[in-house]
Amino acid sequence: MTKRPLPLTIVAWVYIAVGIIGFIVHLREALSGHDYRNSVIIELTEIPALIAGVFLLRGHNWARWLALAWMGFHVVLSAFNSLREFAIHALICSVIAWALFRPAASEYLRKNQTPATGAPS
């Protein structure tokens, strides 16, 4: 197994932090009764971030696709708001994609897969 690249590690921990912090913040909103329905929906969107971060640290290739899809979802949502918000989300998505699909990250994730099943070894 090769050493996990630092950009991949940073992205994974950011996703874990965003997932946990977002979950706590929106849980408090949901429990307070303030916009309960939206808080629960937002709550459900924090779970994939947490999952992606944890499984990126464990070396699962599918987790980088989940992480990119999660951020892409936010880019699409921000397109319905302001151009500035869209641009910021698109820039962040680009940086995340760069970190997750660099040759070192691809090699790390590929070497952590078994040839027959694609499952982590």
PDB file of N, CA and C in Angstrom:
ATOM      1  N   MET A   1       0.841  -1.180   0.000  1.00  0.00           N
ATOM      2  CA  MET A   1       0.000   0.000   0.000  1.00  0.00           C
ATOM      3  C   MET A   1       0.888   1.246   0.000  1.00  0.00           C
ATOM      4  N   THR A   2       0.564   2.196  -0.865  1.00  0.00           N
ATOM      5  CA  THR A   2       1.321   3.436  -0.912  1.00  0.00           C
ATOM      6  C   THR A   2       0.786   4.400   0.129  1.00  0.00           C
ATOM      7  N   LYS A   3       1.580   5.425   0.401  1.00  0.00           N
ATOM      8  CA  LYS A   3       1.180   6.440   1.376  1.00  0.00           C
ATOM      9  C   LYS A   3       0.061   7.298   0.797  1.00  0.00           C
ATOM     10  N   ARG A   4      -0.927   7.615   1.620  1.00  0.00           N
ATOM     11  CA  ARG A   4      -2.051   8.429   1.178  1.00  0.00           C
ATOM     12  C   ARG A   4      -1.559   9.840   0.863  1.00  0.00           C
ATOM     13  N   PRO A   5      -1.875  10.367  -0.333  1.00  0.00           N
ATOM     14  CA  PRO A   5      -1.448  11.723  -0.696  1.00  0.00           C
ATOM     15  C   PRO A   5      -2.085  12.771   0.224  1.00  0.00           C
ATOM     16  N   LEU A   6      -1.314  13.794   0.555  1.00  0.00           N
ATOM     17  CA  LEU A   6      -1.782  14.833   1.458  1.00  0.00           C
ATOM     18  C   LEU A   6      -3.046  15.543   0.951  1.00  0.00           C
ATOM     19  N   PRO A   7      -3.134  15.940  -0.344  1.00  0.00           N
ATOM     20  CA  PRO A   7      -4.380  16.588  -0.789  1.00  0.00           C
ATOM     21  C   PRO A   7      -5.617  15.706  -0.605  1.00  0.00           C
ATOM     22  N   LEU A   8      -5.473  14.405  -0.827  1.00  0.00           N
ATOM     23  CA  LEU A   8      -6.582  13.469  -0.630  1.00  0.00           C
ATOM     24  C   LEU A   8      -6.964  13.411   0.850  1.00  0.00           C
ATOM     25  N   THR A   9      -5.973  13.389   1.718  1.00  0.00           N
ATOM     26  CA  THR A   9      -6.215  13.362   3.163  1.00  0.00           C
ATOM     27  C   THR A   9      -6.925  14.630   3.621  1.00  0.00           C
ATOM     28  N   ILE A  10      -6.485  15.773   3.124  1.00  0.00           N
ATOM     29  CA  ILE A  10      -7.099  17.045   3.496  1.00  0.00           C
ATOM     30  C   ILE A  10      -8.559  17.084   3.058  1.00  0.00           C
ATOM     31  N   VAL A  11      -8.820  16.697   1.814  1.00  0.00           N
ATOM     32  CA  VAL A  11     -10.205  16.686   1.317  1.00  0.00           C
ATOM     33  C   VAL A  11     -11.056  15.744   2.155  1.00  0.00           C
ATOM     34  N   ALA A  12     -10.538  14.575   2.472  1.00  0.00           N
ATOM     35  CA  ALA A  12     -11.301  13.609   3.271  1.00  0.00           C
ATOM     36  C   ALA A  12     -11.667  14.197   4.626  1.00  0.00           C
ATOM     37  N   TRP A  13     -10.705  14.823   5.302  1.00  0.00           N
ATOM     38  CA  TRP A  13     -10.994  15.395   6.622  1.00  0.00           C
ATOM     39  C   TRP A  13     -11.930  16.594   6.533  1.00  0.00           C
ATOM     40  N   VAL A  14     -11.845  17.365   5.463  1.00  0.00           N
ATOM     41  CA  VAL A  14     -12.785  18.475   5.280  1.00  0.00           C
ATOM     42  C   VAL A  14     -14.201  17.931   5.106  1.00  0.00           C
ATOM     43  N   TYR A  15     -14.350  16.880   4.330  1.00  0.00           N
ATOM     44  CA  TYR A  15     -15.672  16.268   4.150  1.00  0.00           C
ATOM     45  C   TYR A  15     -16.210  15.724   5.476  1.00  0.00           C
ATOM     46  N   ILE A  16     -15.361  15.104   6.261  1.00  0.00           N
ATOM     47  CA  ILE A  16     -15.789  14.597   7.560  1.00  0.00           C
ATOM     48  C   ILE A  16     -16.237  15.755   8.451  1.00  0.00           C
ATOM     49  N   ALA A  17     -15.444  16.819   8.487  1.00  0.00           N
ATOM     50  CA  ALA A  17     -15.792  17.981   9.314  1.00  0.00           C
ATOM     51  C   ALA A  17     -17.087  18.626   8.841  1.00  0.00           C
ATOM     52  N   VAL A  18     -17.232  18.810   7.537  1.00  0.00           N
ATOM     53  CA  VAL A  18     -18.452  19.413   6.992  1.00  0.00           C
ATOM     54  C   VAL A  18     -19.661  18.533   7.300  1.00  0.00           C
ATOM     55  N   GLY A  19     -19.506  17.239   7.151  1.00  0.00           N
ATOM     56  CA  GLY A  19     -20.599  16.320   7.445  1.00  0.00           C
ATOM     57  C   GLY A  19     -21.029  16.381   8.899  1.00  0.00           C
ATOM     58  N   ILE A  20     -20.061  16.356   9.806  1.00  0.00           N
ATOM     59  CA  ILE A  20     -20.379  16.372  11.239  1.00  0.00           C
ATOM     60  C   ILE A  20     -20.936  17.730  11.665  1.00  0.00           C
ATOM     61  N   ILE A  21     -20.240  18.797  11.295  1.00  0.00           N
ATOM     62  CA  ILE A  21     -20.678  20.133  11.708  1.00  0.00           C
ATOM     63  C   ILE A  21     -22.036  20.467  11.092  1.00  0.00           C
ATOM     64  N   GLY A  22     -22.198  20.184   9.807  1.00  0.00           N
ATOM     65  CA  GLY A  22     -23.480  20.436   9.158  1.00  0.00           C
ATOM     66  C   GLY A  22     -24.599  19.637   9.792  1.00  0.00           C
ATOM     67  N   PHE A  23     -24.314  18.389  10.131  1.00  0.00           N
ATOM     68  CA  PHE A  23     -25.319  17.532  10.758  1.00  0.00           C
ATOM     69  C   PHE A  23     -25.757  18.117  12.101  1.00  0.00           C
ATOM     70  N   ILE A  24     -24.799  18.548  12.908  1.00  0.00           N
ATOM     71  CA  ILE A  24     -25.108  19.112  14.226  1.00  0.00           C
ATOM     72  C   ILE A  24     -25.900  20.406  14.101  1.00  0.00           C
ATOM     73  N   VAL A  25     -25.465  21.295  13.228  1.00  0.00           N
ATOM     74  CA  VAL A  25     -26.135  22.588  13.049  1.00  0.00           C
ATOM     75  C   VAL A  25     -27.574  22.386  12.582  1.00  0.00           C
ATOM     76  N   HIS A  26     -27.763  21.553  11.583  1.00  0.00           N
ATOM     77  CA  HIS A  26     -29.107  21.363  11.039  1.00  0.00           C
ATOM     78  C   HIS A  26     -29.975  20.505  11.961  1.00  0.00           C
ATOM     79  N   LEU A  27     -29.367  19.649  12.764  1.00  0.00           N
ATOM     80  CA  LEU A  27     -30.128  18.893  13.746  1.00  0.00           C
ATOM     81  C   LEU A  27     -30.706  19.839  14.796  1.00  0.00           C
ATOM     82  N   ARG A  28     -29.901  20.796  15.216  1.00  0.00           N
ATOM     83  CA  ARG A  28     -30.390  21.796  16.185  1.00  0.00           C
ATOM     84  C   ARG A  28     -31.551  22.580  15.599  1.00  0.00           C
ATOM     85  N   GLU A  29     -31.446  22.949  14.317  1.00  0.00           N
ATOM     86  CA  GLU A  29     -32.538  23.666  13.654  1.00  0.00           C
ATOM     87  C   GLU A  29     -33.783  22.785  13.580  1.00  0.00           C
ATOM     88  N   ALA A  30     -33.606  21.532  13.226  1.00  0.00           N
ATOM     89  CA  ALA A  30     -34.747  20.621  13.103  1.00  0.00           C
ATOM     90  C   ALA A  30     -35.430  20.414  14.451  1.00  0.00           C
ATOM     91  N   LEU A  31     -34.633  20.249  15.508  1.00  0.00           N
ATOM     92  CA  LEU A  31     -35.197  20.015  16.837  1.00  0.00           C
ATOM     93  C   LEU A  31     -35.865  21.256  17.413  1.00  0.00           C
ATOM     94  N   SER A  32     -35.416  22.426  16.965  1.00  0.00           N
ATOM     95  CA  SER A  32     -36.035  23.657  17.465  1.00  0.00           C
ATOM     96  C   SER A  32     -37.364  23.934  16.772  1.00  0.00           C
ATOM     97  N   GLY A  33     -37.652  23.181  15.713  1.00  0.00           N
ATOM     98  CA  GLY A  33     -38.910  23.357  14.994  1.00  0.00           C
ATOM     99  C   GLY A  33     -38.835  24.419  13.921  1.00  0.00           C
ATOM    100  N   HIS A  34     -37.690  25.094  13.810  1.00  0.00           N
ATOM    101  CA  HIS A  34     -37.506  26.128  12.800  1.00  0.00           C
ATOM    102  C   HIS A  34     -37.312  25.483  11.430  1.00  0.00           C
ATOM    103  N   ASP A  35     -38.284  25.651  10.561  1.00  0.00           N
ATOM    104  CA  ASP A  35     -38.221  25.120   9.193  1.00  0.00           C
ATOM    105  C   ASP A  35     -37.853  23.634   9.217  1.00  0.00           C
ATOM    106  N   TYR A  36     -38.618  22.857   9.955  1.00  0.00           N
ATOM    107  CA  TYR A  36     -38.331  21.447  10.217  1.00  0.00           C
ATOM    108  C   TYR A  36     -38.112  20.638   8.948  1.00  0.00           C
ATOM    109  N   ARG A  37     -39.010  20.785   7.974  1.00  0.00           N
ATOM    110  CA  ARG A  37     -38.926  19.966   6.756  1.00  0.00           C
ATOM    111  C   ARG A  37     -37.614  20.208   6.011  1.00  0.00           C
ATOM    112  N   ASN A  38     -37.254  21.474   5.803  1.00  0.00           N
ATOM    113  CA  ASN A  38     -36.002  21.775   5.110  1.00  0.00           C
ATOM    114  C   ASN A  38     -34.794  21.333   5.918  1.00  0.00           C
ATOM    115  N   SER A  39     -34.862  21.463   7.228  1.00  0.00           N
ATOM    116  CA  SER A  39     -33.744  21.041   8.080  1.00  0.00           C
ATOM    117  C   SER A  39     -33.495  19.545   7.958  1.00  0.00           C
ATOM    118  N   VAL A  40     -34.554  18.773   7.895  1.00  0.00           N
ATOM    119  CA  VAL A  40     -34.402  17.320   7.764  1.00  0.00           C
ATOM    120  C   VAL A  40     -33.821  16.964   6.400  1.00  0.00           C
ATOM    121  N   ILE A  41     -34.287  17.627   5.353  1.00  0.00           N
ATOM    122  CA  ILE A  41     -33.761  17.374   4.007  1.00  0.00           C
ATOM    123  C   ILE A  41     -32.283  17.736   3.954  1.00  0.00           C
ATOM    124  N   ILE A  42     -31.933  18.887   4.507  1.00  0.00           N
ATOM    125  CA  ILE A  42     -30.525  19.299   4.536  1.00  0.00           C
ATOM    126  C   ILE A  42     -29.713  18.322   5.368  1.00  0.00           C
ATOM    127  N   GLU A  43     -30.306  17.858   6.464  1.00  0.00           N
ATOM    128  CA  GLU A  43     -29.647  16.871   7.331  1.00  0.00           C
ATOM    129  C   GLU A  43     -29.241  15.631   6.537  1.00  0.00           C
ATOM    130  N   LEU A  44     -30.131  15.178   5.682  1.00  0.00           N
ATOM    131  CA  LEU A  44     -29.860  13.989   4.875  1.00  0.00           C
ATOM    132  C   LEU A  44     -28.739  14.219   3.860  1.00  0.00           C
ATOM    133  N   THR A  45     -28.522  15.472   3.460  1.00  0.00           N
ATOM    134  CA  THR A  45     -27.444  15.742   2.501  1.00  0.00           C
ATOM    135  C   THR A  45     -26.076  15.784   3.177  1.00  0.00           C
ATOM    136  N   GLU A  46     -26.038  15.872   4.497  1.00  0.00           N
ATOM    137  CA  GLU A  46     -24.747  15.891   5.205  1.00  0.00           C
ATOM    138  C   GLU A  46     -24.167  14.488   5.348  1.00  0.00           C
ATOM    139  N   ILE A  47     -25.018  13.493   5.362  1.00  0.00           N
ATOM    140  CA  ILE A  47     -24.571  12.112   5.564  1.00  0.00           C
ATOM    141  C   ILE A  47     -23.628  11.641   4.449  1.00  0.00           C
ATOM    142  N   PRO A  48     -23.934  11.899   3.162  1.00  0.00           N
ATOM    143  CA  PRO A  48     -22.987  11.463   2.122  1.00  0.00           C
ATOM    144  C   PRO A  48     -21.608  12.130   2.239  1.00  0.00           C
ATOM    145  N   ALA A  49     -21.558  13.357   2.724  1.00  0.00           N
ATOM    146  CA  ALA A  49     -20.256  14.011   2.912  1.00  0.00           C
ATOM    147  C   ALA A  49     -19.432  13.256   3.941  1.00  0.00           C
ATOM    148  N   LEU A  50     -20.063  12.904   5.036  1.00  0.00           N
ATOM    149  CA  LEU A  50     -19.377  12.153   6.083  1.00  0.00           C
ATOM    150  C   LEU A  50     -18.920  10.785   5.575  1.00  0.00           C
ATOM    151  N   ILE A  51     -19.794  10.104   4.872  1.00  0.00           N
ATOM    152  CA  ILE A  51     -19.460   8.786   4.313  1.00  0.00           C
ATOM    153  C   ILE A  51     -18.294   8.901   3.336  1.00  0.00           C
ATOM    154  N   ALA A  52     -18.352   9.892   2.450  1.00  0.00           N
ATOM    155  CA  ALA A  52     -17.275  10.070   1.470  1.00  0.00           C
ATOM    156  C   ALA A  52     -15.937  10.310   2.164  1.00  0.00           C
ATOM    157  N   GLY A  53     -15.932  11.164   3.172  1.00  0.00           N
ATOM    158  CA  GLY A  53     -14.684  11.459   3.883  1.00  0.00           C
ATOM    159  C   GLY A  53     -14.093  10.244   4.567  1.00  0.00           C
ATOM    160  N   VAL A  54     -14.925   9.513   5.267  1.00  0.00           N
ATOM    161  CA  VAL A  54     -14.440   8.321   5.985  1.00  0.00           C
ATOM    162  C   VAL A  54     -13.878   7.296   5.006  1.00  0.00           C
ATOM    163  N   PHE A  55     -14.604   7.038   3.926  1.00  0.00           N
ATOM    164  CA  PHE A  55     -14.156   6.001   3.003  1.00  0.00           C
ATOM    165  C   PHE A  55     -13.025   6.459   2.088  1.00  0.00           C
ATOM    166  N   LEU A  56     -12.850   7.770   1.920  1.00  0.00           N
ATOM    167  CA  LEU A  56     -11.644   8.247   1.233  1.00  0.00           C
ATOM    168  C   LEU A  56     -10.418   7.932   2.088  1.00  0.00           C
ATOM    169  N   LEU A  57     -10.526   8.162   3.381  1.00  0.00           N
ATOM    170  CA  LEU A  57      -9.404   7.843   4.277  1.00  0.00           C
ATOM    171  C   LEU A  57      -9.088   6.352   4.271  1.00  0.00           C
ATOM    172  N   ARG A  58     -10.109   5.536   4.059  1.00  0.00           N
ATOM    173  CA  ARG A  58      -9.907   4.084   4.026  1.00  0.00           C
ATOM    174  C   ARG A  58      -9.443   3.583   2.662  1.00  0.00           C
ATOM    175  N   GLY A  59      -9.373   4.489   1.664  1.00  0.00           N
ATOM    176  CA  GLY A  59      -8.834   4.121   0.367  1.00  0.00           C
ATOM    177  C   GLY A  59      -9.825   3.537  -0.622  1.00  0.00           C
ATOM    178  N   HIS A  60     -11.097   3.830  -0.480  1.00  0.00           N
ATOM    179  CA  HIS A  60     -12.110   3.318  -1.397  1.00  0.00           C
ATOM    180  C   HIS A  60     -12.270   4.256  -2.594  1.00  0.00           C
ATOM    181  N   ASN A  61     -12.088   3.716  -3.776  1.00  0.00           N
ATOM    182  CA  ASN A  61     -12.170   4.506  -4.993  1.00  0.00           C
ATOM    183  C   ASN A  61     -13.554   5.124  -5.203  1.00  0.00           C
ATOM    184  N   TRP A  62     -14.617   4.390  -4.891  1.00  0.00           N
ATOM    185  CA  TRP A  62     -15.969   4.912  -5.100  1.00  0.00           C
ATOM    186  C   TRP A  62     -16.236   6.158  -4.271  1.00  0.00           C
ATOM    187  N   ALA A  63     -15.512   6.316  -3.161  1.00  0.00           N
ATOM    188  CA  ALA A  63     -15.745   7.457  -2.275  1.00  0.00           C
ATOM    189  C   ALA A  63     -15.356   8.777  -2.938  1.00  0.00           C
ATOM    190  N   ARG A  64     -14.375   8.744  -3.836  1.00  0.00           N
ATOM    191  CA  ARG A  64     -14.034   9.999  -4.503  1.00  0.00           C
ATOM    192  C   ARG A  64     -15.131  10.408  -5.471  1.00  0.00           C
ATOM    193  N   TRP A  65     -15.817   9.425  -6.060  1.00  0.00           N
ATOM    194  CA  TRP A  65     -16.941   9.747  -6.942  1.00  0.00           C
ATOM    195  C   TRP A  65     -18.113  10.289  -6.141  1.00  0.00           C
ATOM    196  N   LEU A  66     -18.345   9.732  -4.961  1.00  0.00           N
ATOM    197  CA  LEU A  66     -19.393  10.250  -4.077  1.00  0.00           C
ATOM    198  C   LEU A  66     -19.053  11.679  -3.647  1.00  0.00           C
ATOM    199  N   ALA A  67     -17.802  11.910  -3.294  1.00  0.00           N
ATOM    200  CA  ALA A  67     -17.379  13.250  -2.871  1.00  0.00           C
ATOM    201  C   ALA A  67     -17.575  14.264  -3.997  1.00  0.00           C
ATOM    202  N   LEU A  68     -17.194  13.882  -5.199  1.00  0.00           N
ATOM    203  CA  LEU A  68     -17.355  14.793  -6.335  1.00  0.00           C
ATOM    204  C   LEU A  68     -18.834  15.017  -6.655  1.00  0.00           C
ATOM    205  N   ALA A  69     -19.643  13.969  -6.584  1.00  0.00           N
ATOM    206  CA  ALA A  69     -21.082  14.108  -6.838  1.00  0.00           C
ATOM    207  C   ALA A  69     -21.723  15.014  -5.790  1.00  0.00           C
ATOM    208  N   TRP A  70     -21.308  14.868  -4.536  1.00  0.00           N
ATOM    209  CA  TRP A  70     -21.851  15.696  -3.461  1.00  0.00           C
ATOM    210  C   TRP A  70     -21.551  17.168  -3.716  1.00  0.00           C
ATOM    211  N   MET A  71     -20.319  17.446  -4.103  1.00  0.00           N
ATOM    212  CA  MET A  71     -19.955  18.838  -4.377  1.00  0.00           C
ATOM    213  C   MET A  71     -20.636  19.331  -5.643  1.00  0.00           C
ATOM    214  N   GLY A  72     -20.732  18.473  -6.663  1.00  0.00           N
ATOM    215  CA  GLY A  72     -21.438  18.841  -7.889  1.00  0.00           C
ATOM    216  C   GLY A  72     -22.885  19.203  -7.614  1.00  0.00           C
ATOM    217  N   PHE A  73     -23.521  18.471  -6.707  1.00  0.00           N
ATOM    218  CA  PHE A  73     -24.885  18.765  -6.292  1.00  0.00           C
ATOM    219  C   PHE A  73     -24.973  20.185  -5.732  1.00  0.00           C
ATOM    220  N   HIS A  74     -23.982  20.569  -4.934  1.00  0.00           N
ATOM    221  CA  HIS A  74     -23.966  21.918  -4.368  1.00  0.00           C
ATOM    222  C   HIS A  74     -23.714  22.981  -5.436  1.00  0.00           C
ATOM    223  N   VAL A  75     -22.925  22.645  -6.432  1.00  0.00           N
ATOM    224  CA  VAL A  75     -22.707  23.583  -7.538  1.00  0.00           C
ATOM    225  C   VAL A  75     -24.025  23.831  -8.269  1.00  0.00           C
ATOM    226  N   VAL A  76     -24.752  22.767  -8.551  1.00  0.00           N
ATOM    227  CA  VAL A  76     -26.041  22.896  -9.244  1.00  0.00           C
ATOM    228  C   VAL A  76     -27.017  23.709  -8.395  1.00  0.00           C
ATOM    229  N   LEU A  77     -27.103  23.426  -7.102  1.00  0.00           N
ATOM    230  CA  LEU A  77     -27.996  24.185  -6.227  1.00  0.00           C
ATOM    231  C   LEU A  77     -27.630  25.660  -6.190  1.00  0.00           C
ATOM    232  N   SER A  78     -26.346  25.951  -6.154  1.00  0.00           N
ATOM    233  CA  SER A  78     -25.910  27.350  -6.074  1.00  0.00           C
ATOM    234  C   SER A  78     -26.179  28.109  -7.371  1.00  0.00           C
ATOM    235  N   ALA A  79     -26.350  27.382  -8.474  1.00  0.00           N
ATOM    236  CA  ALA A  79     -26.664  28.037  -9.750  1.00  0.00           C
ATOM    237  C   ALA A  79     -28.018  28.727  -9.692  1.00  0.00           C
ATOM    238  N   PHE A  80     -28.880  28.285  -8.777  1.00  0.00           N
ATOM    239  CA  PHE A  80     -30.197  28.897  -8.631  1.00  0.00           C
ATOM    240  C   PHE A  80     -30.169  30.111  -7.709  1.00  0.00           C
ATOM    241  N   ASN A  81     -29.025  30.393  -7.125  1.00  0.00           N
ATOM    242  CA  ASN A  81     -28.880  31.553  -6.245  1.00  0.00           C
ATOM    243  C   ASN A  81     -28.138  32.652  -7.006  1.00  0.00           C
ATOM    244  N   SER A  82     -27.042  33.104  -6.468  1.00  0.00           N
ATOM    245  CA  SER A  82     -26.309  34.186  -7.118  1.00  0.00           C
ATOM    246  C   SER A  82     -25.158  33.646  -7.967  1.00  0.00           C
ATOM    247  N   LEU A  83     -24.726  34.457  -8.904  1.00  0.00           N
ATOM    248  CA  LEU A  83     -23.583  34.099  -9.747  1.00  0.00           C
ATOM    249  C   LEU A  83     -22.330  33.948  -8.891  1.00  0.00           C
ATOM    250  N   ARG A  84     -22.192  34.795  -7.878  1.00  0.00           N
ATOM    251  CA  ARG A  84     -21.029  34.739  -6.985  1.00  0.00           C
ATOM    252  C   ARG A  84     -20.987  33.399  -6.241  1.00  0.00           C
ATOM    253  N   GLU A  85     -22.123  32.981  -5.696  1.00  0.00           N
ATOM    254  CA  GLU A  85     -22.191  31.708  -4.974  1.00  0.00           C
ATOM    255  C   GLU A  85     -21.889  30.540  -5.905  1.00  0.00           C
ATOM    256  N   PHE A  86     -22.425  30.592  -7.109  1.00  0.00           N
ATOM    257  CA  PHE A  86     -22.157  29.558  -8.102  1.00  0.00           C
ATOM    258  C   PHE A  86     -20.667  29.488  -8.426  1.00  0.00           C
ATOM    259  N   ALA A  87     -20.043  30.644  -8.636  1.00  0.00           N
ATOM    260  CA  ALA A  87     -18.615  30.693  -8.978  1.00  0.00           C
ATOM    261  C   ALA A  87     -17.757  30.128  -7.844  1.00  0.00           C
ATOM    262  N   ILE A  88     -18.101  30.469  -6.617  1.00  0.00           N
ATOM    263  CA  ILE A  88     -17.334  29.969  -5.467  1.00  0.00           C
ATOM    264  C   ILE A  88     -17.463  28.453  -5.356  1.00  0.00           C
ATOM    265  N   HIS A  89     -18.696  27.943  -5.480  1.00  0.00           N
ATOM    266  CA  HIS A  89     -18.895  26.491  -5.412  1.00  0.00           C
ATOM    267  C   HIS A  89     -18.193  25.777  -6.569  1.00  0.00           C
ATOM    268  N   ALA A  90     -18.238  26.365  -7.750  1.00  0.00           N
ATOM    269  CA  ALA A  90     -17.567  25.764  -8.908  1.00  0.00           C
ATOM    270  C   ALA A  90     -16.053  25.733  -8.695  1.00  0.00           C
ATOM    271  N   LEU A  91     -15.501  26.791  -8.124  1.00  0.00           N
ATOM    272  CA  LEU A  91     -14.068  26.827  -7.837  1.00  0.00           C
ATOM    273  C   LEU A  91     -13.692  25.766  -6.800  1.00  0.00           C
ATOM    274  N   ILE A  92     -14.467  25.675  -5.741  1.00  0.00           N
ATOM    275  CA  ILE A  92     -14.206  24.661  -4.713  1.00  0.00           C
ATOM    276  C   ILE A  92     -14.310  23.259  -5.308  1.00  0.00           C
ATOM    277  N   CYS A  93     -15.311  23.050  -6.158  1.00  0.00           N
ATOM    278  CA  CYS A  93     -15.479  21.744  -6.812  1.00  0.00           C
ATOM    279  C   CYS A  93     -14.259  21.414  -7.673  1.00  0.00           C
ATOM    280  N   SER A  94     -13.737  22.419  -8.358  1.00  0.00           N
ATOM    281  CA  SER A  94     -12.549  22.212  -9.206  1.00  0.00           C
ATOM    282  C   SER A  94     -11.334  21.813  -8.371  1.00  0.00           C
ATOM    283  N   VAL A  95     -11.159  22.470  -7.244  1.00  0.00           N
ATOM    284  CA  VAL A  95     -10.024  22.149  -6.367  1.00  0.00           C
ATOM    285  C   VAL A  95     -10.174  20.730  -5.812  1.00  0.00           C
ATOM    286  N   ILE A  96     -11.395  20.375  -5.416  1.00  0.00           N
ATOM    287  CA  ILE A  96     -11.643  19.022  -4.904  1.00  0.00           C
ATOM    288  C   ILE A  96     -11.385  17.989  -5.996  1.00  0.00           C
ATOM    289  N   ALA A  97     -11.872  18.252  -7.203  1.00  0.00           N
ATOM    290  CA  ALA A  97     -11.644  17.321  -8.321  1.00  0.00           C
ATOM    291  C   ALA A  97     -10.155  17.163  -8.584  1.00  0.00           C
ATOM    292  N   TRP A  98      -9.423  18.265  -8.543  1.00  0.00           N
ATOM    293  CA  TRP A  98      -7.967  18.205  -8.741  1.00  0.00           C
ATOM    294  C   TRP A  98      -7.334  17.301  -7.682  1.00  0.00           C
ATOM    295  N   ALA A  99      -7.726  17.492  -6.415  1.00  0.00           N
ATOM    296  CA  ALA A  99      -7.132  16.704  -5.331  1.00  0.00           C
ATOM    297  C   ALA A  99      -7.491  15.224  -5.434  1.00  0.00           C
ATOM    298  N   LEU A 100      -8.712  14.935  -5.852  1.00  0.00           N
ATOM    299  CA  LEU A 100      -9.177  13.550  -5.880  1.00  0.00           C
ATOM    300  C   LEU A 100      -8.734  12.771  -7.116  1.00  0.00           C
ATOM    301  N   PHE A 101      -8.419  13.486  -8.190  1.00  0.00           N
ATOM    302  CA  PHE A 101      -8.081  12.797  -9.442  1.00  0.00           C
ATOM    303  C   PHE A 101      -6.652  13.048  -9.903  1.00  0.00           C
ATOM    304  N   ARG A 102      -5.819  13.557  -9.033  1.00  0.00           N
ATOM    305  CA  ARG A 102      -4.395  13.670  -9.343  1.00  0.00           C
ATOM    306  C   ARG A 102      -3.832  12.266  -9.533  1.00  0.00           C
ATOM    307  N   PRO A 103      -2.760  12.144 -10.291  1.00  0.00           N
ATOM    308  CA  PRO A 103      -2.171  10.813 -10.490  1.00  0.00           C
ATOM    309  C   PRO A 103      -1.818  10.104  -9.176  1.00  0.00           C
ATOM    310  N   ALA A 104      -1.324  10.846  -8.197  1.00  0.00           N
ATOM    311  CA  ALA A 104      -0.954  10.219  -6.920  1.00  0.00           C
ATOM    312  C   ALA A 104      -2.187   9.668  -6.208  1.00  0.00           C
ATOM    313  N   ALA A 105      -3.285  10.412  -6.248  1.00  0.00           N
ATOM    314  CA  ALA A 105      -4.521   9.946  -5.612  1.00  0.00           C
ATOM    315  C   ALA A 105      -5.073   8.735  -6.348  1.00  0.00           C
ATOM    316  N   SER A 106      -5.051   8.786  -7.670  1.00  0.00           N
ATOM    317  CA  SER A 106      -5.541   7.652  -8.456  1.00  0.00           C
ATOM    318  C   SER A 106      -4.716   6.405  -8.180  1.00  0.00           C
ATOM    319  N   GLU A 107      -3.411   6.571  -8.117  1.00  0.00           N
ATOM    320  CA  GLU A 107      -2.537   5.430  -7.841  1.00  0.00           C
ATOM    321  C   GLU A 107      -2.799   4.871  -6.440  1.00  0.00           C
ATOM    322  N   TYR A 108      -2.943   5.759  -5.461  1.00  0.00           N
ATOM    323  CA  TYR A 108      -3.220   5.315  -4.089  1.00  0.00           C
ATOM    324  C   TYR A 108      -4.527   4.526  -4.027  1.00  0.00           C
ATOM    325  N   LEU A 109      -5.574   5.061  -4.641  1.00  0.00           N
ATOM    326  CA  LEU A 109      -6.873   4.394  -4.593  1.00  0.00           C
ATOM    327  C   LEU A 109      -6.867   3.097  -5.399  1.00  0.00           C
ATOM    328  N   ARG A 110      -6.140   3.074  -6.504  1.00  0.00           N
ATOM    329  CA  ARG A 110      -6.060   1.863  -7.318  1.00  0.00           C
ATOM    330  C   ARG A 110      -5.277   0.772  -6.579  1.00  0.00           C
ATOM    331  N   LYS A 111      -4.213   1.133  -5.898  1.00  0.00           N
ATOM    332  CA  LYS A 111      -3.401   0.130  -5.195  1.00  0.00           C
ATOM    333  C   LYS A 111      -4.096  -0.419  -3.967  1.00  0.00           C
ATOM    334  N   ASN A 112      -5.118   0.268  -3.498  1.00  0.00           N
ATOM    335  CA  ASN A 112      -5.867  -0.218  -2.337  1.00  0.00           C
ATOM    336  C   ASN A 112      -7.037  -1.097  -2.734  1.00  0.00           C
ATOM    337  N   GLN A 113      -7.161  -1.428  -4.018  1.00  0.00           N
ATOM    338  CA  GLN A 113      -8.243  -2.285  -4.499  1.00  0.00           C
ATOM    339  C   GLN A 113      -7.678  -3.656  -4.834  1.00  0.00           C
ATOM    340  N   THR A 114      -8.433  -4.696  -4.568  1.00  0.00           N
ATOM    341  CA  THR A 114      -8.013  -6.027  -4.990  1.00  0.00           C
ATOM    342  C   THR A 114      -8.399  -6.189  -6.459  1.00  0.00           C
ATOM    343  N   PRO A 115      -7.609  -6.869  -7.292  1.00  0.00           N
ATOM    344  CA  PRO A 115      -7.888  -6.964  -8.717  1.00  0.00           C
ATOM    345  C   PRO A 115      -9.215  -7.626  -9.062  1.00  0.00           C
ATOM    346  N   ALA A 116      -9.615  -8.653  -8.337  1.00  0.00           N
ATOM    347  CA  ALA A 116     -10.801  -9.424  -8.734  1.00  0.00           C
ATOM    348  C   ALA A 116     -12.112  -8.694  -8.435  1.00  0.00           C
ATOM    349  N   THR A 117     -12.215  -8.066  -7.289  1.00  0.00           N
ATOM    350  CA  THR A 117     -13.505  -7.506  -6.885  1.00  0.00           C
ATOM    351  C   THR A 117     -13.546  -6.001  -6.865  1.00  0.00           C
ATOM    352  N   GLY A 118     -12.405  -5.341  -6.851  1.00  0.00           N
ATOM    353  CA  GLY A 118     -12.389  -3.901  -6.717  1.00  0.00           C
ATOM    354  C   GLY A 118     -12.613  -3.456  -5.286  1.00  0.00           C
ATOM    355  N   ALA A 119     -12.739  -4.425  -4.374  1.00  0.00           N
ATOM    356  CA  ALA A 119     -12.945  -4.096  -2.968  1.00  0.00           C
ATOM    357  C   ALA A 119     -11.602  -3.807  -2.321  1.00  0.00           C
ATOM    358  N   PRO A 120     -11.586  -3.027  -1.241  1.00  0.00           N
ATOM    359  CA  PRO A 120     -10.327  -2.739  -0.567  1.00  0.00           C
ATOM    360  C   PRO A 120      -9.689  -4.023  -0.042  1.00  0.00           C
ATOM    361  N   SER A 121      -8.384  -4.022  -0.077  1.00  0.00           N
ATOM    362  CA  SER A 121      -7.665  -5.191   0.421  1.00  0.00           C
ATOM    363  C   SER A 121      -7.389  -5.080   1.905  1.00  0.00           C
TER     364      SER A 121
END
